């Protein structure tokens, strides 16, 4: 299992192929009305 935050760039390479599944908590976050805000200092 590989867990990568949504704000992080990443890549994956293989010589033999791979089955990749993506999961997101976006529907739950939207339904519960949670807000995600990233505030960068000095921006």
PDB file of N, CA and C in Angstrom:
ATOM      1  N   UNK A   1       0.849  -1.162   0.000  1.00  0.00           N
ATOM      2  CA  UNK A   1       0.000   0.000   0.000  1.00  0.00           C
ATOM      3  C   UNK A   1       0.897   1.228   0.000  1.00  0.00           C
ATOM      4  N   UNK A   2       0.551   2.163  -0.850  1.00  0.00           N
ATOM      5  CA  UNK A   2       1.263   3.436  -0.942  1.00  0.00           C
ATOM      6  C   UNK A   2       0.259   4.531  -0.637  1.00  0.00           C
ATOM      7  N   UNK A   3       0.572   5.373   0.316  1.00  0.00           N
ATOM      8  CA  UNK A   3      -0.301   6.484   0.675  1.00  0.00           C
ATOM      9  C   UNK A   3       0.444   7.777   0.372  1.00  0.00           C
ATOM     10  N   UNK A   4      -0.158   8.611  -0.481  1.00  0.00           N
ATOM     11  CA  UNK A   4       0.479   9.859  -0.904  1.00  0.00           C
ATOM     12  C   UNK A   4      -0.511  10.996  -0.692  1.00  0.00           C
ATOM     13  N   UNK A   5      -0.103  12.040   0.045  1.00  0.00           N
ATOM     14  CA  UNK A   5      -0.999  13.192   0.196  1.00  0.00           C
ATOM     15  C   UNK A   5      -1.326  13.806  -1.167  1.00  0.00           C
ATOM     16  N   UNK A   6      -2.529  14.345  -1.305  1.00  0.00           N
ATOM     17  CA  UNK A   6      -2.990  14.871  -2.592  1.00  0.00           C
ATOM     18  C   UNK A   6      -2.170  16.048  -3.087  1.00  0.00           C
ATOM     19  N   UNK A   7      -1.466  16.742  -2.201  1.00  0.00           N
ATOM     20  CA  UNK A   7      -0.689  17.908  -2.608  1.00  0.00           C
ATOM     21  C   UNK A   7       0.750  17.551  -2.980  1.00  0.00           C
ATOM     22  N   UNK A   8       1.095  16.288  -2.971  1.00  0.00           N
ATOM     23  CA  UNK A   8       2.457  15.845  -3.260  1.00  0.00           C
ATOM     24  C   UNK A   8       2.540  15.263  -4.668  1.00  0.00           C
ATOM     25  N   UNK A   9       3.532  15.723  -5.444  1.00  0.00           N
ATOM     26  CA  UNK A   9       3.764  15.129  -6.758  1.00  0.00           C
ATOM     27  C   UNK A   9       4.526  13.818  -6.590  1.00  0.00           C
ATOM     28  N   UNK A  10       4.147  12.805  -7.358  1.00  0.00           N
ATOM     29  CA  UNK A  10       4.847  11.517  -7.293  1.00  0.00           C
ATOM     30  C   UNK A  10       4.640  10.770  -8.598  1.00  0.00           C
ATOM     31  N   UNK A  11       5.490   9.786  -8.799  1.00  0.00           N
ATOM     32  CA  UNK A  11       5.367   8.944  -9.988  1.00  0.00           C
ATOM     33  C   UNK A  11       5.798   7.525  -9.620  1.00  0.00           C
ATOM     34  N   UNK A  12       5.398   6.589 -10.471  1.00  0.00           N
ATOM     35  CA  UNK A  12       5.698   5.181 -10.244  1.00  0.00           C
ATOM     36  C   UNK A  12       5.998   4.544 -11.589  1.00  0.00           C
ATOM     37  N   UNK A  13       7.101   3.810 -11.666  1.00  0.00           N
ATOM     38  CA  UNK A  13       7.485   3.128 -12.900  1.00  0.00           C
ATOM     39  C   UNK A  13       7.781   1.671 -12.605  1.00  0.00           C
ATOM     40  N   UNK A  14       7.505   0.819 -13.601  1.00  0.00           N
ATOM     41  CA  UNK A  14       7.786  -0.605 -13.469  1.00  0.00           C
ATOM     42  C   UNK A  14       8.092  -1.191 -14.839  1.00  0.00           C
ATOM     43  N   UNK A  15       8.872  -2.231 -14.876  1.00  0.00           N
ATOM     44  CA  UNK A  15       9.189  -2.901 -16.128  1.00  0.00           C
ATOM     45  C   UNK A  15       8.128  -3.934 -16.522  1.00  0.00           C
ATOM     46  N   UNK A  16       7.401  -4.460 -15.529  1.00  0.00           N
ATOM     47  CA  UNK A  16       6.460  -5.551 -15.767  1.00  0.00           C
ATOM     48  C   UNK A  16       4.992  -5.153 -15.690  1.00  0.00           C
ATOM     49  N   UNK A  17       4.677  -3.891 -15.483  1.00  0.00           N
ATOM     50  CA  UNK A  17       3.288  -3.468 -15.338  1.00  0.00           C
ATOM     51  C   UNK A  17       2.843  -3.556 -13.896  1.00  0.00           C
ATOM     52  N   UNK A  18       1.714  -2.920 -13.615  1.00  0.00           N
ATOM     53  CA  UNK A  18       1.206  -2.898 -12.240  1.00  0.00           C
ATOM     54  C   UNK A  18      -0.294  -2.610 -12.273  1.00  0.00           C
ATOM     55  N   UNK A  19      -1.019  -3.165 -11.326  1.00  0.00           N
ATOM     56  CA  UNK A  19      -2.424  -2.813 -11.138  1.00  0.00           C
ATOM     57  C   UNK A  19      -2.470  -1.719 -10.086  1.00  0.00           C
ATOM     58  N   UNK A  20      -3.054  -0.583 -10.444  1.00  0.00           N
ATOM     59  CA  UNK A  20      -3.081   0.566  -9.551  1.00  0.00           C
ATOM     60  C   UNK A  20      -4.529   0.961  -9.280  1.00  0.00           C
ATOM     61  N   UNK A  21      -4.864   1.096  -8.014  1.00  0.00           N
ATOM     62  CA  UNK A  21      -6.192   1.511  -7.598  1.00  0.00           C
ATOM     63  C   UNK A  21      -6.063   2.824  -6.843  1.00  0.00           C
ATOM     64  N   UNK A  22      -6.920   3.772  -7.135  1.00  0.00           N
ATOM     65  CA  UNK A  22      -6.909   5.062  -6.447  1.00  0.00           C
ATOM     66  C   UNK A  22      -8.166   5.188  -5.593  1.00  0.00           C
ATOM     67  N   UNK A  23      -7.979   5.639  -4.374  1.00  0.00           N
ATOM     68  CA  UNK A  23      -9.085   5.851  -3.451  1.00  0.00           C
ATOM     69  C   UNK A  23      -9.033   7.291  -2.966  1.00  0.00           C
ATOM     70  N   UNK A  24     -10.182   7.872  -2.744  1.00  0.00           N
ATOM     71  CA  UNK A  24     -10.249   9.253  -2.285  1.00  0.00           C
ATOM     72  C   UNK A  24     -11.322   9.372  -1.210  1.00  0.00           C
ATOM     73  N   UNK A  25     -11.052  10.227  -0.231  1.00  0.00           N
ATOM     74  CA  UNK A  25     -12.050  10.506   0.797  1.00  0.00           C
ATOM     75  C   UNK A  25     -12.875  11.749   0.450  1.00  0.00           C
ATOM     76  N   UNK A  26     -12.749  12.261  -0.771  1.00  0.00           N
ATOM     77  CA  UNK A  26     -13.450  13.475  -1.184  1.00  0.00           C
ATOM     78  C   UNK A  26     -14.966  13.393  -0.980  1.00  0.00           C
ATOM     79  N   UNK A  27     -15.645  12.302  -1.354  1.00  0.00           N
ATOM     80  CA  UNK A  27     -17.099  12.252  -1.126  1.00  0.00           C
ATOM     81  C   UNK A  27     -17.476  12.370   0.358  1.00  0.00           C
ATOM     82  N   UNK A  28     -16.690  11.769   1.221  1.00  0.00           N
ATOM     83  CA  UNK A  28     -16.961  11.841   2.660  1.00  0.00           C
ATOM     84  C   UNK A  28     -16.710  13.256   3.169  1.00  0.00           C
ATOM     85  N   UNK A  29     -15.594  13.855   2.754  1.00  0.00           N
ATOM     86  CA  UNK A  29     -15.250  15.217   3.166  1.00  0.00           C
ATOM     87  C   UNK A  29     -16.331  16.195   2.716  1.00  0.00           C
ATOM     88  N   UNK A  30     -16.795  16.058   1.483  1.00  0.00           N
ATOM     89  CA  UNK A  30     -17.846  16.943   0.976  1.00  0.00           C
ATOM     90  C   UNK A  30     -19.163  16.740   1.733  1.00  0.00           C
ATOM     91  N   UNK A  31     -19.527  15.509   1.968  1.00  0.00           N
ATOM     92  CA  UNK A  31     -20.788  15.211   2.652  1.00  0.00           C
ATOM     93  C   UNK A  31     -20.791  15.730   4.086  1.00  0.00           C
ATOM     94  N   UNK A  32     -19.642  15.651   4.769  1.00  0.00           N
ATOM     95  CA  UNK A  32     -19.545  16.115   6.160  1.00  0.00           C
ATOM     96  C   UNK A  32     -19.233  17.609   6.257  1.00  0.00           C
ATOM     97  N   UNK A  33     -19.095  18.253   5.100  1.00  0.00           N
ATOM     98  CA  UNK A  33     -18.816  19.693   5.042  1.00  0.00           C
ATOM     99  C   UNK A  33     -17.514  20.076   5.746  1.00  0.00           C
ATOM    100  N   UNK A  34     -16.523  19.203   5.636  1.00  0.00           N
ATOM    101  CA  UNK A  34     -15.194  19.531   6.154  1.00  0.00           C
ATOM    102  C   UNK A  34     -14.498  20.405   5.126  1.00  0.00           C
ATOM    103  N   UNK A  35     -13.757  21.371   5.567  1.00  0.00           N
ATOM    104  CA  UNK A  35     -13.006  22.243   4.662  1.00  0.00           C
ATOM    105  C   UNK A  35     -11.525  21.959   4.810  1.00  0.00           C
ATOM    106  N   UNK A  36     -10.852  21.913   3.687  1.00  0.00           N
ATOM    107  CA  UNK A  36      -9.397  21.753   3.684  1.00  0.00           C
ATOM    108  C   UNK A  36      -8.802  23.022   3.129  1.00  0.00           C
ATOM    109  N   UNK A  37      -7.942  23.651   3.889  1.00  0.00           N
ATOM    110  CA  UNK A  37      -7.312  24.889   3.446  1.00  0.00           C
ATOM    111  C   UNK A  37      -5.825  24.795   3.734  1.00  0.00           C
ATOM    112  N   UNK A  38      -5.026  25.092   2.738  1.00  0.00           N
ATOM    113  CA  UNK A  38      -3.582  25.151   2.901  1.00  0.00           C
ATOM    114  C   UNK A  38      -3.179  26.612   2.801  1.00  0.00           C
ATOM    115  N   UNK A  39      -2.557  27.112   3.856  1.00  0.00           N
ATOM    116  CA  UNK A  39      -2.093  28.494   3.878  1.00  0.00           C
ATOM    117  C   UNK A  39      -0.576  28.477   3.934  1.00  0.00           C
ATOM    118  N   UNK A  40       0.047  28.989   2.877  1.00  0.00           N
ATOM    119  CA  UNK A  40       1.509  29.038   2.823  1.00  0.00           C
ATOM    120  C   UNK A  40       1.978  30.373   3.389  1.00  0.00           C
ATOM    121  N   UNK A  41       2.931  30.305   4.314  1.00  0.00           N
ATOM    122  CA  UNK A  41       3.479  31.536   4.869  1.00  0.00           C
ATOM    123  C   UNK A  41       4.327  32.233   3.818  1.00  0.00           C
ATOM    124  N   UNK A  42       4.217  33.517   3.717  1.00  0.00           N
ATOM    125  CA  UNK A  42       4.986  34.272   2.768  1.00  0.00           C
ATOM    126  C   UNK A  42       4.422  34.251   1.362  1.00  0.00           C
ATOM    127  N   UNK A  43       3.233  33.705   1.203  1.00  0.00           N
ATOM    128  CA  UNK A  43       2.630  33.632  -0.134  1.00  0.00           C
ATOM    129  C   UNK A  43       1.876  34.891  -0.443  1.00  0.00           C
TER     130      UNK A  43
END
